[in-house]
Amino acid sequence: MNIGIDMMGGDFAPVEAVKGIRQYFLEQNADDLSLVLFGDEIQLTALLTEYDVPQAKCQVVPTTQVIDMNEH
């Protein structure tokens, strides 16, 4: 299964999202799971390494645009 996640949205992003991903991989058998993470490539790669997230299961897609809360 492939799942895409906007890593830059939400409170305390992207740190809390990375922590959640790490927790999921620790608690679940995720052999058939592949994540596509959208966001700041440099920041995400550093956090994935810091929190020991299996990077073979995660593909980072770099993004440069931001959609603000007041945009339609």
C-alpha atoms as a PDB file:
ATOM      1  CA  MET A   1       0.000   0.000   0.000  1.00  0.00           C
ATOM      2  CA  ASN A   2       1.231   3.503  -0.854  1.00  0.00           C
ATOM      3  CA  ILE A   3       0.278   6.473   1.326  1.00  0.00           C
ATOM      4  CA  GLY A   4       1.084  10.136   0.640  1.00  0.00           C
ATOM      5  CA  ILE A   5       1.480  12.574   3.531  1.00  0.00           C
ATOM      6  CA  ASP A   6       1.792  16.384   3.584  1.00  0.00           C
ATOM      7  CA  MET A   7       4.567  16.655   6.142  1.00  0.00           C
ATOM      8  CA  MET A   8       4.583  20.443   6.448  1.00  0.00           C
ATOM      9  CA  GLY A   9       0.976  20.989   7.567  1.00  0.00           C
ATOM     10  CA  GLY A  10      -0.332  20.924  11.108  1.00  0.00           C
ATOM     11  CA  ASP A  11       0.891  21.934  14.533  1.00  0.00           C
ATOM     12  CA  PHE A  12       4.582  21.324  15.223  1.00  0.00           C
ATOM     13  CA  ALA A  13       5.166  20.029  11.696  1.00  0.00           C
ATOM     14  CA  PRO A  14       7.144  18.251  10.449  1.00  0.00           C
ATOM     15  CA  VAL A  15       8.641  16.924  13.700  1.00  0.00           C
ATOM     16  CA  GLU A  16       5.400  15.474  15.076  1.00  0.00           C
ATOM     17  CA  ALA A  17       4.560  13.819  11.754  1.00  0.00           C
ATOM     18  CA  VAL A  18       7.984  12.146  11.680  1.00  0.00           C
ATOM     19  CA  LYS A  19       7.514  10.967  15.272  1.00  0.00           C
ATOM     20  CA  GLY A  20       4.150   9.484  14.316  1.00  0.00           C
ATOM     21  CA  ILE A  21       5.618   7.662  11.336  1.00  0.00           C
ATOM     22  CA  ARG A  22       8.403   6.270  13.510  1.00  0.00           C
ATOM     23  CA  GLN A  23       5.890   5.092  16.107  1.00  0.00           C
ATOM     24  CA  TYR A  24       3.802   3.387  13.438  1.00  0.00           C
ATOM     25  CA  PHE A  25       6.799   1.489  12.063  1.00  0.00           C
ATOM     26  CA  LEU A  26       7.761   0.394  15.614  1.00  0.00           C
ATOM     27  CA  GLU A  27       4.279  -0.910  16.450  1.00  0.00           C
ATOM     28  CA  GLN A  28       3.009  -2.347  13.156  1.00  0.00           C
ATOM     29  CA  ASN A  29       4.119  -4.911  10.614  1.00  0.00           C
ATOM     30  CA  ALA A  30       4.558  -2.516   7.705  1.00  0.00           C
ATOM     31  CA  ASP A  31       6.198  -4.802   5.161  1.00  0.00           C
ATOM     32  CA  ASP A  32       3.717  -3.811   2.455  1.00  0.00           C
ATOM     33  CA  LEU A  33       3.624  -0.081   3.311  1.00  0.00           C
ATOM     34  CA  SER A  34       5.408   2.627   1.339  1.00  0.00           C
ATOM     35  CA  LEU A  35       5.144   6.305   2.270  1.00  0.00           C
ATOM     36  CA  VAL A  36       5.476   9.286  -0.046  1.00  0.00           C
ATOM     37  CA  LEU A  37       6.317  12.322   2.083  1.00  0.00           C
ATOM     38  CA  PHE A  38       5.733  15.780   0.621  1.00  0.00           C
ATOM     39  CA  GLY A  39       7.656  18.755   2.033  1.00  0.00           C
ATOM     40  CA  ASP A  40      11.036  20.369   2.609  1.00  0.00           C
ATOM     41  CA  GLU A  41      13.525  17.710   1.479  1.00  0.00           C
ATOM     42  CA  ILE A  42      16.465  18.876   3.593  1.00  0.00           C
ATOM     43  CA  GLN A  43      14.411  19.186   6.757  1.00  0.00           C
ATOM     44  CA  LEU A  44      12.619  15.859   6.257  1.00  0.00           C
ATOM     45  CA  THR A  45      15.745  13.884   5.426  1.00  0.00           C
ATOM     46  CA  ALA A  46      17.473  15.188   8.554  1.00  0.00           C
ATOM     47  CA  LEU A  47      14.472  14.342  10.761  1.00  0.00           C
ATOM     48  CA  LEU A  48      14.035  10.865   9.269  1.00  0.00           C
ATOM     49  CA  THR A  49      17.680  10.163  10.095  1.00  0.00           C
ATOM     50  CA  GLU A  50      17.462  11.711  13.573  1.00  0.00           C
ATOM     51  CA  TYR A  51      14.373   9.676  14.517  1.00  0.00           C
ATOM     52  CA  ASP A  52      15.678   6.481  12.886  1.00  0.00           C
ATOM     53  CA  VAL A  53      12.764   6.098  10.463  1.00  0.00           C
ATOM     54  CA  PRO A  54      13.366   3.353   7.864  1.00  0.00           C
ATOM     55  CA  GLN A  55      14.153   5.522   4.847  1.00  0.00           C
ATOM     56  CA  ALA A  56      13.831   2.560   2.499  1.00  0.00           C
ATOM     57  CA  LYS A  57      10.084   2.746   3.245  1.00  0.00           C
ATOM     58  CA  CYS A  58       9.866   6.519   2.661  1.00  0.00           C
ATOM     59  CA  GLN A  59      10.217   8.562  -0.495  1.00  0.00           C
ATOM     60  CA  VAL A  60      10.581  12.321  -0.003  1.00  0.00           C
ATOM     61  CA  VAL A  61       9.068  14.497  -2.729  1.00  0.00           C
ATOM     62  CA  PRO A  62      10.484  18.014  -2.401  1.00  0.00           C
ATOM     63  CA  THR A  63       7.986  20.874  -2.495  1.00  0.00           C
ATOM     64  CA  THR A  64       8.574  24.596  -2.790  1.00  0.00           C
ATOM     65  CA  GLN A  65       5.088  26.106  -2.714  1.00  0.00           C
ATOM     66  CA  VAL A  66       3.043  26.839   0.375  1.00  0.00           C
ATOM     67  CA  ILE A  67      -0.742  27.175   0.554  1.00  0.00           C
ATOM     68  CA  ASP A  68      -1.667  29.574   3.350  1.00  0.00           C
ATOM     69  CA  MET A  69      -4.700  29.105   5.593  1.00  0.00           C
ATOM     70  CA  ASN A  70      -6.567  32.021   3.967  1.00  0.00           C
ATOM     71  CA  GLU A  71      -6.215  30.744   0.396  1.00  0.00           C
ATOM     72  CA  HIS A  72      -9.089  28.991  -1.387  1.00  0.00           C
END
